[in-house]
Amino acid sequence: MTELDPNLHHPTRLMVLAFLGGCQEAEFGAVRDYCQVSDSVLSKTAATLEELGYVKAKKGYVGKRPRTWLAATRAGRAALAGHLAALQQLAAAAAEAAGG
């Protein structure tokens, strides 16, 4: 059985990485709005995921306004795929155990 990634047990980390797994990169505000969290929660979550090597942050400007873009790394995409596979295996085992 594929192992669950303990770093992705936290719902916000999982949601951020799942969102970023579906795109090349996303602006901080788009990720924040999708995950329905505050700036500070997303900032802390992104920093944790970046320390794990799952997310890369890039800073820049749009006009004169500072912006941050987030992107899932190859390691982050692999961790997400493994975690989701493990969850699917758990769900299948539970359904089999329940007789259905």
C-alpha atoms as a PDB file:
ATOM      1  CA  MET A   1       0.000   0.000   0.000  1.00  0.00           C
ATOM      2  CA  THR A   2       1.161   3.524  -0.792  1.00  0.00           C
ATOM      3  CA  GLU A   3       1.995   5.577   2.302  1.00  0.00           C
ATOM      4  CA  LEU A   4       0.086   8.666   3.351  1.00  0.00           C
ATOM      5  CA  ASP A   5       2.320  11.736   3.493  1.00  0.00           C
ATOM      6  CA  PRO A   6       2.168  13.047   7.079  1.00  0.00           C
ATOM      7  CA  ASN A   7       3.059  16.516   5.786  1.00  0.00           C
ATOM      8  CA  LEU A   8      -0.229  16.597   3.872  1.00  0.00           C
ATOM      9  CA  HIS A   9      -2.520  15.567   6.736  1.00  0.00           C
ATOM     10  CA  HIS A  10      -3.169  19.246   7.451  1.00  0.00           C
ATOM     11  CA  PRO A  11      -6.217  20.191   5.326  1.00  0.00           C
ATOM     12  CA  THR A  12      -4.872  23.588   4.254  1.00  0.00           C
ATOM     13  CA  ARG A  13      -1.552  22.129   3.090  1.00  0.00           C
ATOM     14  CA  LEU A  14      -3.399  19.471   1.103  1.00  0.00           C
ATOM     15  CA  MET A  15      -5.781  22.013  -0.419  1.00  0.00           C
ATOM     16  CA  VAL A  16      -2.983  24.409  -1.414  1.00  0.00           C
ATOM     17  CA  LEU A  17      -0.902  21.663  -3.001  1.00  0.00           C
ATOM     18  CA  ALA A  18      -3.945  20.179  -4.769  1.00  0.00           C
ATOM     19  CA  PHE A  19      -4.817  23.593  -6.218  1.00  0.00           C
ATOM     20  CA  LEU A  20      -1.238  24.204  -7.340  1.00  0.00           C
ATOM     21  CA  GLY A  21      -1.070  20.688  -8.789  1.00  0.00           C
ATOM     22  CA  GLY A  22      -3.709  21.720 -11.297  1.00  0.00           C
ATOM     23  CA  CYS A  23      -1.801  24.674 -12.745  1.00  0.00           C
ATOM     24  CA  GLN A  24       1.697  25.772 -13.640  1.00  0.00           C
ATOM     25  CA  GLU A  25       1.677  28.578 -11.061  1.00  0.00           C
ATOM     26  CA  ALA A  26      -0.882  30.768  -9.322  1.00  0.00           C
ATOM     27  CA  GLU A  27      -0.907  34.227  -7.819  1.00  0.00           C
ATOM     28  CA  PHE A  28      -1.002  34.274  -4.018  1.00  0.00           C
ATOM     29  CA  GLY A  29      -4.414  35.956  -3.946  1.00  0.00           C
ATOM     30  CA  ALA A  30      -5.987  33.327  -6.206  1.00  0.00           C
ATOM     31  CA  VAL A  31      -4.728  30.530  -3.963  1.00  0.00           C
ATOM     32  CA  ARG A  32      -5.894  32.383  -0.851  1.00  0.00           C
ATOM     33  CA  ASP A  33      -9.361  32.919  -2.293  1.00  0.00           C
ATOM     34  CA  TYR A  34      -9.702  29.328  -3.487  1.00  0.00           C
ATOM     35  CA  CYS A  35      -8.640  27.927  -0.113  1.00  0.00           C
ATOM     36  CA  GLN A  36     -10.759  30.501   1.755  1.00  0.00           C
ATOM     37  CA  VAL A  37      -8.007  31.352   4.214  1.00  0.00           C
ATOM     38  CA  SER A  38      -6.430  34.593   5.388  1.00  0.00           C
ATOM     39  CA  ASP A  39      -3.192  36.013   4.022  1.00  0.00           C
ATOM     40  CA  SER A  40      -1.342  35.002   7.174  1.00  0.00           C
ATOM     41  CA  VAL A  41      -2.618  31.393   7.099  1.00  0.00           C
ATOM     42  CA  LEU A  42      -1.643  30.997   3.448  1.00  0.00           C
ATOM     43  CA  SER A  43       1.713  32.647   4.075  1.00  0.00           C
ATOM     44  CA  LYS A  44       2.528  30.214   6.897  1.00  0.00           C
ATOM     45  CA  THR A  45       1.241  27.243   4.904  1.00  0.00           C
ATOM     46  CA  ALA A  46       3.227  28.221   1.806  1.00  0.00           C
ATOM     47  CA  ALA A  47       6.368  28.708   3.916  1.00  0.00           C
ATOM     48  CA  THR A  48       5.960  25.228   5.405  1.00  0.00           C
ATOM     49  CA  LEU A  49       5.386  23.664   1.984  1.00  0.00           C
ATOM     50  CA  GLU A  50       8.391  25.562   0.635  1.00  0.00           C
ATOM     51  CA  GLU A  51      10.584  24.253   3.490  1.00  0.00           C
ATOM     52  CA  LEU A  52       9.439  20.730   2.579  1.00  0.00           C
ATOM     53  CA  GLY A  53      10.405  21.355  -1.035  1.00  0.00           C
ATOM     54  CA  TYR A  54       6.811  20.939  -2.226  1.00  0.00           C
ATOM     55  CA  VAL A  55       6.191  24.549  -3.294  1.00  0.00           C
ATOM     56  CA  LYS A  56       8.312  27.294  -4.836  1.00  0.00           C
ATOM     57  CA  ALA A  57       7.460  30.954  -4.257  1.00  0.00           C
ATOM     58  CA  LYS A  58       8.428  33.648  -6.746  1.00  0.00           C
ATOM     59  CA  LYS A  59       8.158  37.355  -6.003  1.00  0.00           C
ATOM     60  CA  GLY A  60       7.820  40.088  -8.557  1.00  0.00           C
ATOM     61  CA  TYR A  61       5.788  43.095  -9.580  1.00  0.00           C
ATOM     62  CA  VAL A  62       2.740  43.776 -11.684  1.00  0.00           C
ATOM     63  CA  GLY A  63       3.223  47.432 -12.499  1.00  0.00           C
ATOM     64  CA  LYS A  64       4.302  48.908  -9.191  1.00  0.00           C
ATOM     65  CA  ARG A  65       2.430  46.396  -7.065  1.00  0.00           C
ATOM     66  CA  PRO A  66       4.361  43.555  -5.450  1.00  0.00           C
ATOM     67  CA  ARG A  67       3.043  40.065  -6.164  1.00  0.00           C
ATOM     68  CA  THR A  68       3.869  36.522  -5.101  1.00  0.00           C
ATOM     69  CA  TRP A  69       3.299  33.482  -7.279  1.00  0.00           C
ATOM     70  CA  LEU A  70       3.264  29.941  -5.963  1.00  0.00           C
ATOM     71  CA  ALA A  71       4.011  26.760  -7.891  1.00  0.00           C
ATOM     72  CA  ALA A  72       4.121  23.093  -6.957  1.00  0.00           C
ATOM     73  CA  THR A  73       7.557  21.550  -7.432  1.00  0.00           C
ATOM     74  CA  ARG A  74       8.175  18.155  -8.992  1.00  0.00           C
ATOM     75  CA  ALA A  75       8.603  16.758  -5.457  1.00  0.00           C
ATOM     76  CA  GLY A  76       5.357  18.405  -4.387  1.00  0.00           C
ATOM     77  CA  ARG A  77       3.446  16.931  -7.324  1.00  0.00           C
ATOM     78  CA  ALA A  78       4.892  13.489  -6.561  1.00  0.00           C
ATOM     79  CA  ALA A  79       3.994  13.807  -2.860  1.00  0.00           C
ATOM     80  CA  LEU A  80       0.454  14.841  -3.757  1.00  0.00           C
ATOM     81  CA  ALA A  81       0.041  11.958  -6.220  1.00  0.00           C
ATOM     82  CA  GLY A  82       1.305   9.454  -3.648  1.00  0.00           C
ATOM     83  CA  HIS A  83      -0.903  10.860  -0.909  1.00  0.00           C
ATOM     84  CA  LEU A  84      -3.995  10.777  -3.128  1.00  0.00           C
ATOM     85  CA  ALA A  85      -3.200   7.206  -4.215  1.00  0.00           C
ATOM     86  CA  ALA A  86      -2.949   6.166  -0.561  1.00  0.00           C
ATOM     87  CA  LEU A  87      -6.285   7.829   0.203  1.00  0.00           C
ATOM     88  CA  GLN A  88      -7.884   6.010  -2.736  1.00  0.00           C
ATOM     89  CA  GLN A  89      -6.479   2.692  -1.480  1.00  0.00           C
ATOM     90  CA  LEU A  90      -7.895   3.388   1.985  1.00  0.00           C
ATOM     91  CA  ALA A  91     -11.300   4.224   0.535  1.00  0.00           C
ATOM     92  CA  ALA A  92     -11.289   1.069  -1.619  1.00  0.00           C
ATOM     93  CA  ALA A  93     -10.284  -1.089   1.359  1.00  0.00           C
ATOM     94  CA  ALA A  94     -13.031   0.452   3.483  1.00  0.00           C
ATOM     95  CA  ALA A  95     -15.616  -0.141   0.777  1.00  0.00           C
ATOM     96  CA  GLU A  96     -14.456  -3.752   0.383  1.00  0.00           C
ATOM     97  CA  ALA A  97     -14.562  -4.323   4.129  1.00  0.00           C
ATOM     98  CA  ALA A  98     -18.089  -2.930   4.235  1.00  0.00           C
ATOM     99  CA  GLY A  99     -19.123  -5.386   1.550  1.00  0.00           C
ATOM    100  CA  GLY A 100     -19.566  -2.949  -1.228  1.00  0.00           C
END
